[in-house]
Amino acid sequence: MKSSVFIRIDRYKELSEVIKQIRSKLEDAKQALKKAKDLKSQEDAELENWQTELASVEQKLDEISEAITEK
């Protein structure tokens, strides 16, 4: 069963404005979180590229080292 809450009109307007401000801040926080997630995804992709490049360089270095020691 819902109970009624009574507030004065001036308090209602004030409360309504506070709720509006909180919603605005919440939306700002959501956008900031989305931006942080996007940046993290970009960073993860870049780190993966670096790892692939390093593995390639390591493989080539191993091949050169092996070719030198065979002669």
PDB file of N, CA and C in Angstrom:
ATOM      1  N   MET A   1       0.824  -1.166   0.000  1.00  0.00           N
ATOM      2  CA  MET A   1       0.000   0.000   0.000  1.00  0.00           C
ATOM      3  C   MET A   1       0.883   1.250   0.000  1.00  0.00           C
ATOM      4  N   LYS A   2       0.647   2.136  -0.964  1.00  0.00           N
ATOM      5  CA  LYS A   2       1.422   3.370  -1.047  1.00  0.00           C
ATOM      6  C   LYS A   2       0.898   4.374  -0.045  1.00  0.00           C
ATOM      7  N   SER A   3       1.829   5.066   0.592  1.00  0.00           N
ATOM      8  CA  SER A   3       1.411   6.125   1.495  1.00  0.00           C
ATOM      9  C   SER A   3       1.704   7.468   0.830  1.00  0.00           C
ATOM     10  N   SER A   4       0.935   8.443   1.138  1.00  0.00           N
ATOM     11  CA  SER A   4       1.077   9.765   0.546  1.00  0.00           C
ATOM     12  C   SER A   4       2.136  10.564   1.291  1.00  0.00           C
ATOM     13  N   VAL A   5       2.847  11.380   0.517  1.00  0.00           N
ATOM     14  CA  VAL A   5       3.827  12.282   1.103  1.00  0.00           C
ATOM     15  C   VAL A   5       3.398  13.695   0.735  1.00  0.00           C
ATOM     16  N   PHE A   6       3.272  14.538   1.716  1.00  0.00           N
ATOM     17  CA  PHE A   6       2.850  15.913   1.476  1.00  0.00           C
ATOM     18  C   PHE A   6       4.024  16.847   1.703  1.00  0.00           C
ATOM     19  N   ILE A   7       4.275  17.720   0.718  1.00  0.00           N
ATOM     20  CA  ILE A   7       5.317  18.729   0.880  1.00  0.00           C
ATOM     21  C   ILE A   7       4.773  20.075   0.417  1.00  0.00           C
ATOM     22  N   ARG A   8       5.366  21.117   0.917  1.00  0.00           N
ATOM     23  CA  ARG A   8       4.931  22.445   0.536  1.00  0.00           C
ATOM     24  C   ARG A   8       5.315  22.716  -0.919  1.00  0.00           C
ATOM     25  N   ILE A   9       4.561  23.582  -1.570  1.00  0.00           N
ATOM     26  CA  ILE A   9       4.800  23.893  -2.981  1.00  0.00           C
ATOM     27  C   ILE A   9       6.204  24.434  -3.197  1.00  0.00           C
ATOM     28  N   ASP A  10       6.673  25.332  -2.355  1.00  0.00           N
ATOM     29  CA  ASP A  10       8.023  25.882  -2.530  1.00  0.00           C
ATOM     30  C   ASP A  10       9.079  24.795  -2.350  1.00  0.00           C
ATOM     31  N   ARG A  11       8.848  23.882  -1.443  1.00  0.00           N
ATOM     32  CA  ARG A  11       9.765  22.755  -1.256  1.00  0.00           C
ATOM     33  C   ARG A  11       9.720  21.803  -2.447  1.00  0.00           C
ATOM     34  N   TYR A  12       8.544  21.630  -3.022  1.00  0.00           N
ATOM     35  CA  TYR A  12       8.383  20.775  -4.193  1.00  0.00           C
ATOM     36  C   TYR A  12       9.209  21.310  -5.354  1.00  0.00           C
ATOM     37  N   LYS A  13       9.132  22.606  -5.582  1.00  0.00           N
ATOM     38  CA  LYS A  13       9.896  23.209  -6.674  1.00  0.00           C
ATOM     39  C   LYS A  13      11.393  23.059  -6.431  1.00  0.00           C
ATOM     40  N   GLU A  14      11.796  23.286  -5.183  1.00  0.00           N
ATOM     41  CA  GLU A  14      13.205  23.138  -4.820  1.00  0.00           C
ATOM     42  C   GLU A  14      13.660  21.688  -5.017  1.00  0.00           C
ATOM     43  N   LEU A  15      12.868  20.760  -4.542  1.00  0.00           N
ATOM     44  CA  LEU A  15      13.183  19.345  -4.684  1.00  0.00           C
ATOM     45  C   LEU A  15      13.240  18.934  -6.156  1.00  0.00           C
ATOM     46  N   SER A  16      12.309  19.441  -6.926  1.00  0.00           N
ATOM     47  CA  SER A  16      12.272  19.147  -8.351  1.00  0.00           C
ATOM     48  C   SER A  16      13.553  19.625  -9.041  1.00  0.00           C
ATOM     49  N   GLU A  17      14.024  20.810  -8.665  1.00  0.00           N
ATOM     50  CA  GLU A  17      15.266  21.348  -9.238  1.00  0.00           C
ATOM     51  C   GLU A  17      16.476  20.511  -8.816  1.00  0.00           C
ATOM     52  N   VAL A  18      16.506  20.088  -7.572  1.00  0.00           N
ATOM     53  CA  VAL A  18      17.611  19.244  -7.087  1.00  0.00           C
ATOM     54  C   VAL A  18      17.636  17.916  -7.847  1.00  0.00           C
ATOM     55  N   ILE A  19      16.483  17.325  -8.046  1.00  0.00           N
ATOM     56  CA  ILE A  19      16.402  16.061  -8.788  1.00  0.00           C
ATOM     57  C   ILE A  19      16.897  16.263 -10.226  1.00  0.00           C
ATOM     58  N   LYS A  20      16.511  17.375 -10.832  1.00  0.00           N
ATOM     59  CA  LYS A  20      16.961  17.690 -12.191  1.00  0.00           C
ATOM     60  C   LYS A  20      18.486  17.801 -12.240  1.00  0.00           C
ATOM     61  N   GLN A  21      19.076  18.464 -11.250  1.00  0.00           N
ATOM     62  CA  GLN A  21      20.526  18.615 -11.187  1.00  0.00           C
ATOM     63  C   GLN A  21      21.217  17.265 -10.991  1.00  0.00           C
ATOM     64  N   ILE A  22      20.646  16.441 -10.147  1.00  0.00           N
ATOM     65  CA  ILE A  22      21.222  15.112  -9.902  1.00  0.00           C
ATOM     66  C   ILE A  22      21.183  14.283 -11.180  1.00  0.00           C
ATOM     67  N   ARG A  23      20.063  14.346 -11.899  1.00  0.00           N
ATOM     68  CA  ARG A  23      19.962  13.611 -13.167  1.00  0.00           C
ATOM     69  C   ARG A  23      21.004  14.102 -14.172  1.00  0.00           C
ATOM     70  N   SER A  24      21.233  15.400 -14.204  1.00  0.00           N
ATOM     71  CA  SER A  24      22.236  15.966 -15.100  1.00  0.00           C
ATOM     72  C   SER A  24      23.639  15.461 -14.736  1.00  0.00           C
ATOM     73  N   LYS A  25      23.943  15.443 -13.456  1.00  0.00           N
ATOM     74  CA  LYS A  25      25.250  14.942 -12.993  1.00  0.00           C
ATOM     75  C   LYS A  25      25.393  13.450 -13.286  1.00  0.00           C
ATOM     76  N   LEU A  26      24.301  12.721 -13.145  1.00  0.00           N
ATOM     77  CA  LEU A  26      24.322  11.293 -13.447  1.00  0.00           C
ATOM     78  C   LEU A  26      24.627  11.069 -14.924  1.00  0.00           C
ATOM     79  N   GLU A  27      24.006  11.867 -15.786  1.00  0.00           N
ATOM     80  CA  GLU A  27      24.261  11.755 -17.222  1.00  0.00           C
ATOM     81  C   GLU A  27      25.715  12.103 -17.542  1.00  0.00           C
ATOM     82  N   ASP A  28      26.253  13.121 -16.884  1.00  0.00           N
ATOM     83  CA  ASP A  28      27.665  13.480 -17.064  1.00  0.00           C
ATOM     84  C   ASP A  28      28.564  12.313 -16.666  1.00  0.00           C
ATOM     85  N   ALA A  29      28.246  11.675 -15.556  1.00  0.00           N
ATOM     86  CA  ALA A  29      29.038  10.541 -15.081  1.00  0.00           C
ATOM     87  C   ALA A  29      28.968   9.378 -16.065  1.00  0.00           C
ATOM     88  N   LYS A  30      27.795   9.129 -16.630  1.00  0.00           N
ATOM     89  CA  LYS A  30      27.646   8.050 -17.617  1.00  0.00           C
ATOM     90  C   LYS A  30      28.494   8.330 -18.847  1.00  0.00           C
ATOM     91  N   GLN A  31      28.490   9.587 -19.295  1.00  0.00           N
ATOM     92  CA  GLN A  31      29.283   9.949 -20.462  1.00  0.00           C
ATOM     93  C   GLN A  31      30.773   9.823 -20.177  1.00  0.00           C
ATOM     94  N   ALA A  32      31.199  10.219 -18.988  1.00  0.00           N
ATOM     95  CA  ALA A  32      32.602  10.094 -18.606  1.00  0.00           C
ATOM     96  C   ALA A  32      33.019   8.624 -18.561  1.00  0.00           C
ATOM     97  N   LEU A  33      32.160   7.779 -18.030  1.00  0.00           N
ATOM     98  CA  LEU A  33      32.449   6.347 -17.969  1.00  0.00           C
ATOM     99  C   LEU A  33      32.561   5.752 -19.370  1.00  0.00           C
ATOM    100  N   LYS A  34      31.657   6.139 -20.264  1.00  0.00           N
ATOM    101  CA  LYS A  34      31.699   5.646 -21.638  1.00  0.00           C
ATOM    102  C   LYS A  34      32.998   6.067 -22.314  1.00  0.00           C
ATOM    103  N   LYS A  35      33.396   7.321 -22.096  1.00  0.00           N
ATOM    104  CA  LYS A  35      34.645   7.822 -22.684  1.00  0.00           C
ATOM    105  C   LYS A  35      35.844   7.033 -22.141  1.00  0.00           C
ATOM    106  N   ALA A  36      35.846   6.763 -20.844  1.00  0.00           N
ATOM    107  CA  ALA A  36      36.938   5.994 -20.235  1.00  0.00           C
ATOM    108  C   ALA A  36      36.987   4.578 -20.810  1.00  0.00           C
ATOM    109  N   LYS A  37      35.816   3.960 -21.006  1.00  0.00           N
ATOM    110  CA  LYS A  37      35.776   2.618 -21.588  1.00  0.00           C
ATOM    111  C   LYS A  37      36.291   2.626 -23.024  1.00  0.00           C
ATOM    112  N   ASP A  38      35.909   3.652 -23.788  1.00  0.00           N
ATOM    113  CA  ASP A  38      36.387   3.769 -25.169  1.00  0.00           C
ATOM    114  C   ASP A  38      37.901   3.919 -25.213  1.00  0.00           C
ATOM    115  N   LEU A  39      38.429   4.760 -24.326  1.00  0.00           N
ATOM    116  CA  LEU A  39      39.882   4.945 -24.270  1.00  0.00           C
ATOM    117  C   LEU A  39      40.585   3.645 -23.878  1.00  0.00           C
ATOM    118  N   LYS A  40      40.016   2.921 -22.938  1.00  0.00           N
ATOM    119  CA  LYS A  40      40.612   1.655 -22.517  1.00  0.00           C
ATOM    120  C   LYS A  40      40.624   0.660 -23.676  1.00  0.00           C
ATOM    121  N   SER A  41      39.562   0.629 -24.451  1.00  0.00           N
ATOM    122  CA  SER A  41      39.506  -0.272 -25.605  1.00  0.00           C
ATOM    123  C   SER A  41      40.588   0.091 -26.613  1.00  0.00           C
ATOM    124  N   GLN A  42      40.764   1.389 -26.842  1.00  0.00           N
ATOM    125  CA  GLN A  42      41.806   1.835 -27.771  1.00  0.00           C
ATOM    126  C   GLN A  42      43.193   1.454 -27.247  1.00  0.00           C
ATOM    127  N   GLU A  43      43.401   1.647 -25.964  1.00  0.00           N
ATOM    128  CA  GLU A  43      44.685   1.291 -25.357  1.00  0.00           C
ATOM    129  C   GLU A  43      44.936  -0.208 -25.461  1.00  0.00           C
ATOM    130  N   ASP A  44      43.922  -1.005 -25.183  1.00  0.00           N
ATOM    131  CA  ASP A  44      44.058  -2.459 -25.276  1.00  0.00           C
ATOM    132  C   ASP A  44      44.426  -2.886 -26.694  1.00  0.00           C
ATOM    133  N   ALA A  45      43.804  -2.268 -27.699  1.00  0.00           N
ATOM    134  CA  ALA A  45      44.109  -2.595 -29.093  1.00  0.00           C
ATOM    135  C   ALA A  45      45.544  -2.209 -29.428  1.00  0.00           C
ATOM    136  N   GLU A  46      45.981  -1.058 -28.952  1.00  0.00           N
ATOM    137  CA  GLU A  46      47.358  -0.610 -29.210  1.00  0.00           C
ATOM    138  C   GLU A  46      48.364  -1.540 -28.530  1.00  0.00           C
ATOM    139  N   LEU A  47      48.084  -1.936 -27.298  1.00  0.00           N
ATOM    140  CA  LEU A  47      48.982  -2.861 -26.593  1.00  0.00           C
ATOM    141  C   LEU A  47      49.063  -4.207 -27.317  1.00  0.00           C
ATOM    142  N   GLU A  48      47.933  -4.664 -27.850  1.00  0.00           N
ATOM    143  CA  GLU A  48      47.916  -5.922 -28.612  1.00  0.00           C
ATOM    144  C   GLU A  48      48.787  -5.796 -29.851  1.00  0.00           C
ATOM    145  N   ASN A  49      48.715  -4.648 -30.518  1.00  0.00           N
ATOM    146  CA  ASN A  49      49.565  -4.420 -31.693  1.00  0.00           C
ATOM    147  C   ASN A  49      51.042  -4.440 -31.313  1.00  0.00           C
ATOM    148  N   TRP A  50      51.372  -3.789 -30.218  1.00  0.00           N
ATOM    149  CA  TRP A  50      52.765  -3.777 -29.767  1.00  0.00           C
ATOM    150  C   TRP A  50      53.245  -5.188 -29.455  1.00  0.00           C
ATOM    151  N   GLN A  51      52.406  -5.972 -28.807  1.00  0.00           N
ATOM    152  CA  GLN A  51      52.775  -7.340 -28.459  1.00  0.00           C
ATOM    153  C   GLN A  51      53.030  -8.160 -29.720  1.00  0.00           C
ATOM    154  N   THR A  52      52.183  -7.993 -30.729  1.00  0.00           N
ATOM    155  CA  THR A  52      52.354  -8.697 -31.994  1.00  0.00           C
ATOM    156  C   THR A  52      53.658  -8.284 -32.664  1.00  0.00           C
ATOM    157  N   GLU A  53      53.932  -6.994 -32.676  1.00  0.00           N
ATOM    158  CA  GLU A  53      55.171  -6.491 -33.289  1.00  0.00           C
ATOM    159  C   GLU A  53      56.404  -7.029 -32.557  1.00  0.00           C
ATOM    160  N   LEU A  54      56.355  -7.027 -31.239  1.00  0.00           N
ATOM    161  CA  LEU A  54      57.492  -7.541 -30.468  1.00  0.00           C
ATOM    162  C   LEU A  54      57.715  -9.030 -30.727  1.00  0.00           C
ATOM    163  N   ALA A  55      56.648  -9.785 -30.829  1.00  0.00           N
ATOM    164  CA  ALA A  55      56.772 -11.210 -31.120  1.00  0.00           C
ATOM    165  C   ALA A  55      57.390 -11.410 -32.502  1.00  0.00           C
ATOM    166  N   SER A  56      57.008 -10.591 -33.456  1.00  0.00           N
ATOM    167  CA  SER A  56      57.559 -10.678 -34.807  1.00  0.00           C
ATOM    168  C   SER A  56      59.050 -10.351 -34.804  1.00  0.00           C
ATOM    169  N   VAL A  57      59.430  -9.305 -34.098  1.00  0.00           N
ATOM    170  CA  VAL A  57      60.843  -8.926 -34.012  1.00  0.00           C
ATOM    171  C   VAL A  57      61.633 -10.035 -33.328  1.00  0.00           C
ATOM    172  N   GLU A  58      61.080 -10.602 -32.279  1.00  0.00           N
ATOM    173  CA  GLU A  58      61.760 -11.681 -31.559  1.00  0.00           C
ATOM    174  C   GLU A  58      61.959 -12.897 -32.460  1.00  0.00           C
ATOM    175  N   GLN A  59      60.949 -13.230 -33.255  1.00  0.00           N
ATOM    176  CA  GLN A  59      61.059 -14.362 -34.166  1.00  0.00           C
ATOM    177  C   GLN A  59      62.136 -14.106 -35.219  1.00  0.00           C
ATOM    178  N   LYS A  60      62.166 -12.923 -35.780  1.00  0.00           N
ATOM    179  CA  LYS A  60      63.186 -12.582 -36.785  1.00  0.00           C
ATOM    180  C   LYS A  60      64.579 -12.609 -36.175  1.00  0.00           C
ATOM    181  N   LEU A  61      64.707 -12.113 -34.952  1.00  0.00           N
ATOM    182  CA  LEU A  61      65.996 -12.131 -34.268  1.00  0.00           C
ATOM    183  C   LEU A  61      66.451 -13.564 -34.018  1.00  0.00           C
ATOM    184  N   ASP A  62      65.539 -14.433 -33.634  1.00  0.00           N
ATOM    185  CA  ASP A  62      65.872 -15.844 -33.435  1.00  0.00           C
ATOM    186  C   ASP A  62      66.337 -16.476 -34.740  1.00  0.00           C
ATOM    187  N   GLU A  63      65.669 -16.162 -35.849  1.00  0.00           N
ATOM    188  CA  GLU A  63      66.053 -16.701 -37.153  1.00  0.00           C
ATOM    189  C   GLU A  63      67.437 -16.226 -37.564  1.00  0.00           C
ATOM    190  N   ILE A  64      67.719 -14.943 -37.329  1.00  0.00           N
ATOM    191  CA  ILE A  64      69.053 -14.406 -37.662  1.00  0.00           C
ATOM    192  C   ILE A  64      70.113 -15.056 -36.798  1.00  0.00           C
ATOM    193  N   SER A  65      69.830 -15.161 -35.510  1.00  0.00           N
ATOM    194  CA  SER A  65      70.780 -15.778 -34.583  1.00  0.00           C
ATOM    195  C   SER A  65      71.048 -17.218 -34.976  1.00  0.00           C
ATOM    196  N   GLU A  66      69.994 -17.948 -35.359  1.00  0.00           N
ATOM    197  CA  GLU A  66      70.151 -19.334 -35.768  1.00  0.00           C
ATOM    198  C   GLU A  66      70.960 -19.430 -37.072  1.00  0.00           C
ATOM    199  N   ALA A  67      70.727 -18.541 -38.005  1.00  0.00           N
ATOM    200  CA  ALA A  67      71.451 -18.553 -39.277  1.00  0.00           C
ATOM    201  C   ALA A  67      72.931 -18.249 -39.048  1.00  0.00           C
ATOM    202  N   ILE A  68      73.239 -17.379 -38.156  1.00  0.00           N
ATOM    203  CA  ILE A  68      74.629 -17.024 -37.868  1.00  0.00           C
ATOM    204  C   ILE A  68      75.362 -18.181 -37.199  1.00  0.00           C
ATOM    205  N   THR A  69      74.727 -18.852 -36.283  1.00  0.00           N
ATOM    206  CA  THR A  69      75.403 -19.932 -35.545  1.00  0.00           C
ATOM    207  C   THR A  69      75.558 -21.200 -36.387  1.00  0.00           C
ATOM    208  N   GLU A  70      74.791 -21.327 -37.469  1.00  0.00           N
ATOM    209  CA  GLU A  70      74.924 -22.496 -38.343  1.00  0.00           C
ATOM    210  C   GLU A  70      76.160 -22.427 -39.190  1.00  0.00           C
ATOM    211  N   LYS A  71      76.645 -21.242 -39.487  1.00  0.00           N
ATOM    212  CA  LYS A  71      77.785 -21.099 -40.408  1.00  0.00           C
ATOM    213  C   LYS A  71      79.079 -21.234 -39.733  1.00  0.00           C
TER     214      LYS A  71
END
